[in-house]
PDB file of N, CA and C in Angstrom:
ATOM      1  N   MET A   1     154.249 -49.723 149.255  1.00  0.00           N
ATOM      2  CA  MET A   1     153.777 -48.646 149.628  1.00  0.00           C
ATOM      3  C   MET A   1     154.872 -47.935 149.055  1.00  0.00           C
ATOM      4  N   LYS A   2     154.305 -46.704 148.803  1.00  0.00           N
ATOM      5  CA  LYS A   2     155.250 -45.388 148.226  1.00  0.00           C
ATOM      6  C   LYS A   2     155.770 -44.065 149.014  1.00  0.00           C
ATOM      7  N   THR A   3     156.827 -43.659 149.136  1.00  0.00           N
ATOM      8  CA  THR A   3     157.408 -42.225 149.887  1.00  0.00           C
ATOM      9  C   THR A   3     157.231 -41.157 148.888  1.00  0.00           C
ATOM     10  N   VAL A   4     156.500 -40.002 149.709  1.00  0.00           N
ATOM     11  CA  VAL A   4     156.335 -39.156 148.725  1.00  0.00           C
ATOM     12  C   VAL A   4     157.329 -37.782 149.664  1.00  0.00           C
ATOM     13  N   THR A   5     157.966 -37.212 148.926  1.00  0.00           N
ATOM     14  CA  THR A   5     158.593 -35.960 149.702  1.00  0.00           C
ATOM     15  C   THR A   5     157.675 -34.983 148.988  1.00  0.00           C
ATOM     16  N   MET A   6     157.759 -33.799 149.773  1.00  0.00           N
ATOM     17  CA  MET A   6     156.835 -32.602 149.791  1.00  0.00           C
ATOM     18  C   MET A   6     157.139 -31.489 150.441  1.00  0.00           C
ATOM     19  N   ARG A   7     157.566 -30.250 149.884  1.00  0.00           N
ATOM     20  CA  ARG A   7     157.533 -29.074 150.778  1.00  0.00           C
ATOM     21  C   ARG A   7     156.401 -28.104 151.082  1.00  0.00           C
ATOM     22  N   ILE A   8     156.315 -28.118 152.030  1.00  0.00           N
ATOM     23  CA  ILE A   8     154.941 -26.970 152.319  1.00  0.00           C
ATOM     24  C   ILE A   8     155.648 -25.926 153.445  1.00  0.00           C
ATOM     25  N   ASP A   9     154.782 -24.767 153.611  1.00  0.00           N
ATOM     26  CA  ASP A   9     155.419 -23.295 154.265  1.00  0.00           C
ATOM     27  C   ASP A   9     154.910 -24.277 155.910  1.00  0.00           C
ATOM     28  N   ASP A  10     155.689 -23.486 156.415  1.00  0.00           N
ATOM     29  CA  ASP A  10     156.178 -23.701 157.870  1.00  0.00           C
ATOM     30  C   ASP A  10     154.865 -23.560 158.622  1.00  0.00           C
ATOM     31  N   ASN A  11     153.941 -22.721 158.274  1.00  0.00           N
ATOM     32  CA  ASN A  11     152.541 -22.130 159.101  1.00  0.00           C
ATOM     33  C   ASN A  11     151.605 -23.081 158.248  1.00  0.00           C
ATOM     34  N   VAL A  12     151.710 -24.326 157.398  1.00  0.00           N
ATOM     35  CA  VAL A  12     150.989 -24.975 156.855  1.00  0.00           C
ATOM     36  C   VAL A  12     151.219 -26.045 157.710  1.00  0.00           C
ATOM     37  N   TYR A  13     152.394 -26.595 157.889  1.00  0.00           N
ATOM     38  CA  TYR A  13     153.061 -27.624 158.478  1.00  0.00           C
ATOM     39  C   TYR A  13     152.236 -27.758 159.781  1.00  0.00           C
ATOM     40  N   ASP A  14     152.710 -26.452 160.770  1.00  0.00           N
ATOM     41  CA  ASP A  14     151.816 -26.127 161.904  1.00  0.00           C
ATOM     42  C   ASP A  14     150.536 -26.333 162.178  1.00  0.00           C
ATOM     43  N   ILE A  15     149.769 -26.375 161.088  1.00  0.00           N
ATOM     44  CA  ILE A  15     147.971 -26.633 161.129  1.00  0.00           C
ATOM     45  C   ILE A  15     147.790 -28.019 160.723  1.00  0.00           C
ATOM     46  N   LEU A  16     149.080 -28.470 160.133  1.00  0.00           N
ATOM     47  CA  LEU A  16     148.652 -30.118 159.849  1.00  0.00           C
ATOM     48  C   LEU A  16     149.350 -31.145 160.858  1.00  0.00           C
ATOM     49  N   LYS A  17     150.386 -30.254 161.509  1.00  0.00           N
ATOM     50  CA  LYS A  17     150.631 -31.282 162.596  1.00  0.00           C
ATOM     51  C   LYS A  17     149.840 -31.290 163.798  1.00  0.00           C
ATOM     52  N   LYS A  18     149.309 -30.010 164.330  1.00  0.00           N
ATOM     53  CA  LYS A  18     148.126 -29.849 165.212  1.00  0.00           C
ATOM     54  C   LYS A  18     147.012 -30.972 165.010  1.00  0.00           C
ATOM     55  N   ALA A  19     146.282 -30.559 163.581  1.00  0.00           N
ATOM     56  CA  ALA A  19     145.233 -31.303 162.795  1.00  0.00           C
ATOM     57  C   ALA A  19     145.763 -33.116 162.997  1.00  0.00           C
ATOM     58  N   ALA A  20     146.429 -33.852 162.754  1.00  0.00           N
ATOM     59  CA  ALA A  20     147.299 -34.718 162.773  1.00  0.00           C
ATOM     60  C   ALA A  20     147.146 -35.313 164.550  1.00  0.00           C
ATOM     61  N   ASP A  21     147.784 -34.513 165.196  1.00  0.00           N
ATOM     62  CA  ASP A  21     147.850 -34.597 166.617  1.00  0.00           C
ATOM     63  C   ASP A  21     146.497 -35.036 167.103  1.00  0.00           C
ATOM     64  N   GLY A  22     145.461 -34.146 166.805  1.00  0.00           N
ATOM     65  CA  GLY A  22     144.497 -33.862 167.722  1.00  0.00           C
ATOM     66  C   GLY A  22     143.463 -35.347 166.924  1.00  0.00           C
ATOM     67  N   GLU A  23     144.048 -36.101 166.126  1.00  0.00           N
ATOM     68  CA  GLU A  23     143.228 -37.303 165.539  1.00  0.00           C
ATOM     69  C   GLU A  23     144.188 -38.323 166.141  1.00  0.00           C
ATOM     70  N   ARG A  24     145.195 -38.102 166.742  1.00  0.00           N
ATOM     71  CA  ARG A  24     146.308 -39.058 167.150  1.00  0.00           C
ATOM     72  C   ARG A  24     146.925 -40.035 165.934  1.00  0.00           C
ATOM     73  N   ARG A  25     147.057 -39.355 164.871  1.00  0.00           N
ATOM     74  CA  ARG A  25     147.824 -39.721 163.392  1.00  0.00           C
ATOM     75  C   ARG A  25     149.376 -39.229 163.331  1.00  0.00           C
ATOM     76  N   THR A  26     150.209 -39.775 162.670  1.00  0.00           N
ATOM     77  CA  THR A  26     151.055 -39.103 162.244  1.00  0.00           C
ATOM     78  C   THR A  26     150.551 -37.995 160.822  1.00  0.00           C
ATOM     79  N   ILE A  27     151.406 -37.523 160.689  1.00  0.00           N
ATOM     80  CA  ILE A  27     151.468 -36.587 159.861  1.00  0.00           C
ATOM     81  C   ILE A  27     151.153 -37.289 158.326  1.00  0.00           C
ATOM     82  N   SER A  28     152.013 -38.292 158.027  1.00  0.00           N
ATOM     83  CA  SER A  28     151.915 -38.979 156.903  1.00  0.00           C
ATOM     84  C   SER A  28     150.393 -39.505 156.859  1.00  0.00           C
ATOM     85  N   ASN A  29     150.160 -40.411 158.171  1.00  0.00           N
ATOM     86  CA  ASN A  29     148.631 -40.958 157.925  1.00  0.00           C
ATOM     87  C   ASN A  29     147.442 -40.115 157.719  1.00  0.00           C
ATOM     88  N   PHE A  30     147.348 -38.509 158.746  1.00  0.00           N
ATOM     89  CA  PHE A  30     146.521 -37.678 158.575  1.00  0.00           C
ATOM     90  C   PHE A  30     146.614 -37.378 156.919  1.00  0.00           C
ATOM     91  N   LEU A  31     147.472 -37.004 156.512  1.00  0.00           N
ATOM     92  CA  LEU A  31     147.422 -36.440 154.837  1.00  0.00           C
ATOM     93  C   LEU A  31     146.794 -37.102 153.699  1.00  0.00           C
ATOM     94  N   GLU A  32     147.435 -38.704 153.998  1.00  0.00           N
ATOM     95  CA  GLU A  32     146.465 -39.783 153.365  1.00  0.00           C
ATOM     96  C   GLU A  32     145.096 -39.948 153.347  1.00  0.00           C
ATOM     97  N   ASN A  33     144.715 -39.642 155.016  1.00  0.00           N
ATOM     98  CA  ASN A  33     143.298 -39.899 154.934  1.00  0.00           C
ATOM     99  C   ASN A  33     142.616 -38.607 154.734  1.00  0.00           C
ATOM    100  N   ALA A  34     143.325 -38.024 154.629  1.00  0.00           N
ATOM    101  CA  ALA A  34     142.653 -36.503 154.302  1.00  0.00           C
ATOM    102  C   ALA A  34     142.303 -36.252 152.794  1.00  0.00           C
ATOM    103  N   SER A  35     143.124 -36.924 151.973  1.00  0.00           N
ATOM    104  CA  SER A  35     143.365 -36.721 150.762  1.00  0.00           C
ATOM    105  C   SER A  35     142.174 -37.992 150.391  1.00  0.00           C
ATOM    106  N   LEU A  36     142.255 -38.769 150.945  1.00  0.00           N
ATOM    107  CA  LEU A  36     141.042 -39.931 150.832  1.00  0.00           C
ATOM    108  C   LEU A  36     139.327 -39.223 150.922  1.00  0.00           C
ATOM    109  N   GLN A  37     139.348 -38.805 151.741  1.00  0.00           N
ATOM    110  CA  GLN A  37     138.601 -38.520 152.080  1.00  0.00           C
ATOM    111  C   GLN A  37     137.782 -37.242 151.070  1.00  0.00           C
ATOM    112  N   TYR A  38     138.941 -36.252 150.804  1.00  0.00           N
ATOM    113  CA  TYR A  38     138.290 -35.243 149.639  1.00  0.00           C
ATOM    114  C   TYR A  38     138.313 -35.756 148.505  1.00  0.00           C
ATOM    115  N   LEU A  39     138.809 -36.568 148.440  1.00  0.00           N
ATOM    116  CA  LEU A  39     138.568 -36.888 146.988  1.00  0.00           C
ATOM    117  C   LEU A  39     137.297 -37.878 146.634  1.00  0.00           C
ATOM    118  N   SER A  40     136.973 -38.815 147.574  1.00  0.00           N
ATOM    119  CA  SER A  40     135.778 -39.328 147.494  1.00  0.00           C
ATOM    120  C   SER A  40     134.745 -38.537 147.465  1.00  0.00           C
ATOM    121  N   SER A  41     134.450 -37.637 148.250  1.00  0.00           N
ATOM    122  CA  SER A  41     133.632 -36.645 148.558  1.00  0.00           C
ATOM    123  C   SER A  41     133.425 -35.418 147.452  1.00  0.00           C
ATOM    124  N   GLU A  42     134.358 -35.423 146.808  1.00  0.00           N
ATOM    125  CA  GLU A  42     134.484 -34.291 145.523  1.00  0.00           C
ATOM    126  C   GLU A  42     134.355 -35.277 144.008  1.00  0.00           C
ATOM    127  N   LEU A  43     134.772 -36.303 143.863  1.00  0.00           N
ATOM    128  CA  LEU A  43     134.436 -37.064 142.944  1.00  0.00           C
ATOM    129  C   LEU A  43     133.314 -38.082 142.584  1.00  0.00           C
ATOM    130  N   TYR A  44     132.708 -38.330 143.441  1.00  0.00           N
ATOM    131  CA  TYR A  44     131.979 -39.075 143.424  1.00  0.00           C
ATOM    132  C   TYR A  44     130.570 -38.459 144.651  1.00  0.00           C
ATOM    133  N   ILE A  45     129.358 -38.937 143.704  1.00  0.00           N
ATOM    134  CA  ILE A  45     128.132 -38.294 144.338  1.00  0.00           C
ATOM    135  C   ILE A  45     127.243 -39.388 145.151  1.00  0.00           C
ATOM    136  N   SER A  46     127.151 -39.230 145.589  1.00  0.00           N
ATOM    137  CA  SER A  46     125.873 -39.851 147.212  1.00  0.00           C
ATOM    138  C   SER A  46     124.246 -40.624 145.906  1.00  0.00           C
ATOM    139  N   ASP A  47     124.182 -41.806 146.488  1.00  0.00           N
ATOM    140  CA  ASP A  47     123.010 -42.077 146.324  1.00  0.00           C
ATOM    141  C   ASP A  47     121.854 -41.231 146.066  1.00  0.00           C
ATOM    142  N   SER A  48     121.671 -40.246 146.950  1.00  0.00           N
ATOM    143  CA  SER A  48     120.309 -39.472 146.898  1.00  0.00           C
ATOM    144  C   SER A  48     120.709 -38.191 145.608  1.00  0.00           C
ATOM    145  N   GLU A  49     121.609 -38.121 145.794  1.00  0.00           N
ATOM    146  CA  GLU A  49     122.100 -36.752 144.811  1.00  0.00           C
ATOM    147  C   GLU A  49     121.655 -37.548 143.438  1.00  0.00           C
ATOM    148  N   MET A  50     122.503 -39.056 142.999  1.00  0.00           N
ATOM    149  CA  MET A  50     122.077 -39.590 141.919  1.00  0.00           C
ATOM    150  C   MET A  50     120.551 -39.640 141.533  1.00  0.00           C
ATOM    151  N   ASN A  51     119.809 -40.164 142.717  1.00  0.00           N
ATOM    152  CA  ASN A  51     118.412 -40.264 142.629  1.00  0.00           C
ATOM    153  C   ASN A  51     117.714 -39.223 142.062  1.00  0.00           C
ATOM    154  N   SER A  52     118.476 -37.908 142.709  1.00  0.00           N
ATOM    155  CA  SER A  52     117.584 -36.565 142.062  1.00  0.00           C
ATOM    156  C   SER A  52     118.010 -36.654 141.122  1.00  0.00           C
ATOM    157  N   ILE A  53     119.180 -36.658 140.172  1.00  0.00           N
ATOM    158  CA  ILE A  53     119.515 -36.358 138.888  1.00  0.00           C
ATOM    159  C   ILE A  53     118.793 -37.344 138.422  1.00  0.00           C
ATOM    160  N   LEU A  54     118.755 -38.792 138.382  1.00  0.00           N
ATOM    161  CA  LEU A  54     117.861 -39.402 137.530  1.00  0.00           C
ATOM    162  C   LEU A  54     116.316 -39.517 137.660  1.00  0.00           C
ATOM    163  N   ASN A  55     115.489 -38.906 138.419  1.00  0.00           N
ATOM    164  CA  ASN A  55     114.273 -38.275 138.894  1.00  0.00           C
ATOM    165  C   ASN A  55     114.071 -37.258 138.057  1.00  0.00           C
ATOM    166  N   ASP A  56     115.127 -36.398 137.297  1.00  0.00           N
ATOM    167  CA  ASP A  56     114.945 -35.133 136.733  1.00  0.00           C
ATOM    168  C   ASP A  56     114.532 -35.277 135.503  1.00  0.00           C
ATOM    169  N   LYS A  57     113.720 -35.331 134.782  1.00  0.00           N
ATOM    170  CA  LYS A  57     113.145 -35.814 133.893  1.00  0.00           C
ATOM    171  C   LYS A  57     113.746 -34.675 132.329  1.00  0.00           C
ATOM    172  N   THR A  58     113.541 -33.553 132.886  1.00  0.00           N
ATOM    173  CA  THR A  58     114.347 -32.290 131.709  1.00  0.00           C
ATOM    174  C   THR A  58     115.698 -32.519 131.799  1.00  0.00           C
ATOM    175  N   LEU A  59     116.253 -32.938 133.328  1.00  0.00           N
ATOM    176  CA  LEU A  59     117.751 -32.525 132.905  1.00  0.00           C
ATOM    177  C   LEU A  59     118.332 -34.284 132.296  1.00  0.00           C
ATOM    178  N   THR A  60     117.503 -35.130 132.408  1.00  0.00           N
ATOM    179  CA  THR A  60     118.483 -36.581 132.004  1.00  0.00           C
ATOM    180  C   THR A  60     117.601 -36.619 130.440  1.00  0.00           C
ATOM    181  N   GLU A  61     116.759 -35.925 130.115  1.00  0.00           N
ATOM    182  CA  GLU A  61     116.555 -35.965 128.560  1.00  0.00           C
ATOM    183  C   GLU A  61     117.512 -35.117 128.040  1.00  0.00           C
ATOM    184  N   GLY A  62     117.827 -33.897 128.352  1.00  0.00           N
ATOM    185  CA  GLY A  62     118.783 -32.974 127.812  1.00  0.00           C
ATOM    186  C   GLY A  62     120.214 -33.578 127.544  1.00  0.00           C
ATOM    187  N   LEU A  63     120.719 -34.831 128.689  1.00  0.00           N
ATOM    188  CA  LEU A  63     121.662 -35.308 128.783  1.00  0.00           C
ATOM    189  C   LEU A  63     122.145 -36.150 127.848  1.00  0.00           C
ATOM    190  N   TYR A  64     120.357 -36.869 127.450  1.00  0.00           N
ATOM    191  CA  TYR A  64     120.609 -38.111 126.414  1.00  0.00           C
ATOM    192  C   TYR A  64     120.772 -37.302 125.083  1.00  0.00           C
ATOM    193  N   LYS A  65     120.052 -36.221 124.849  1.00  0.00           N
ATOM    194  CA  LYS A  65     119.929 -35.549 123.619  1.00  0.00           C
ATOM    195  C   LYS A  65     121.386 -35.234 123.445  1.00  0.00           C
ATOM    196  N   GLY A  66     122.332 -34.281 124.303  1.00  0.00           N
ATOM    197  CA  GLY A  66     123.769 -34.053 124.231  1.00  0.00           C
ATOM    198  C   GLY A  66     124.453 -34.995 124.050  1.00  0.00           C
ATOM    199  N   ILE A  67     123.976 -36.326 124.320  1.00  0.00           N
ATOM    200  CA  ILE A  67     125.124 -37.453 124.070  1.00  0.00           C
ATOM    201  C   ILE A  67     124.795 -37.838 122.410  1.00  0.00           C
ATOM    202  N   GLU A  68     123.405 -37.794 122.023  1.00  0.00           N
ATOM    203  CA  GLU A  68     123.210 -38.224 120.929  1.00  0.00           C
ATOM    204  C   GLU A  68     123.829 -37.127 119.687  1.00  0.00           C
ATOM    205  N   ASP A  69     123.420 -35.673 120.063  1.00  0.00           N
ATOM    206  CA  ASP A  69     124.095 -34.926 119.403  1.00  0.00           C
ATOM    207  C   ASP A  69     125.937 -34.635 118.939  1.00  0.00           C
ATOM    208  N   ALA A  70     126.242 -35.348 120.037  1.00  0.00           N
ATOM    209  CA  ALA A  70     127.996 -35.670 120.087  1.00  0.00           C
ATOM    210  C   ALA A  70     127.899 -36.920 119.325  1.00  0.00           C
ATOM    211  N   LYS A  71     127.021 -38.264 119.190  1.00  0.00           N
ATOM    212  CA  LYS A  71     127.817 -38.925 118.666  1.00  0.00           C
ATOM    213  C   LYS A  71     127.555 -38.427 117.380  1.00  0.00           C
ATOM    214  N   LYS A  72     126.719 -37.649 116.878  1.00  0.00           N
ATOM    215  CA  LYS A  72     126.422 -37.370 115.294  1.00  0.00           C
ATOM    216  C   LYS A  72     127.154 -36.098 115.060  1.00  0.00           C
ATOM    217  N   GLY A  73     128.402 -35.562 116.107  1.00  0.00           N
ATOM    218  CA  GLY A  73     129.085 -34.776 115.670  1.00  0.00           C
ATOM    219  C   GLY A  73     128.553 -33.365 115.504  1.00  0.00           C
ATOM    220  N   LYS A  74     127.499 -33.114 116.232  1.00  0.00           N
ATOM    221  CA  LYS A  74     126.477 -31.540 116.754  1.00  0.00           C
ATOM    222  C   LYS A  74     127.283 -30.841 117.520  1.00  0.00           C
ATOM    223  N   TYR A  75     128.167 -30.968 117.607  1.00  0.00           N
ATOM    224  CA  TYR A  75     128.644 -29.588 118.715  1.00  0.00           C
ATOM    225  C   TYR A  75     130.083 -28.850 118.282  1.00  0.00           C
ATOM    226  N   ARG A  76     130.282 -28.138 118.954  1.00  0.00           N
ATOM    227  CA  ARG A  76     131.696 -26.940 118.333  1.00  0.00           C
ATOM    228  C   ARG A  76     132.397 -26.881 119.872  1.00  0.00           C
ATOM    229  N   ILE A  77     133.759 -26.882 119.165  1.00  0.00           N
ATOM    230  CA  ILE A  77     134.395 -27.020 120.932  1.00  0.00           C
ATOM    231  C   ILE A  77     134.579 -24.619 120.661  1.00  0.00           C
ATOM    232  N   VAL A  78     134.479 -24.431 122.049  1.00  0.00           N
ATOM    233  CA  VAL A  78     134.619 -23.126 122.246  1.00  0.00           C
ATOM    234  C   VAL A  78     135.737 -22.828 122.896  1.00  0.00           C
ATOM    235  N   GLU A  79     136.397 -21.940 122.569  1.00  0.00           N
ATOM    236  CA  GLU A  79     138.163 -21.656 123.063  1.00  0.00           C
ATOM    237  C   GLU A  79     138.148 -20.090 124.019  1.00  0.00           C
TER     238      GLU A  79
END
């Protein structure tokens, strides 16, 4: 287990404290759980979203073409 020290605005602390108290958690535990929930919802897609993507023929063909073009060096970096 690691200890993390952070500085937050007093108003943010008050909001976090109320939220943690509402769930009967420590602030530390609340932040850990909130962070994990956020990361899992933002970084991963649901099975239904993935099925929707995989069933979209135009989209998947475009993705595969993009992968092949990238392998062949057919791309340019835009700054």
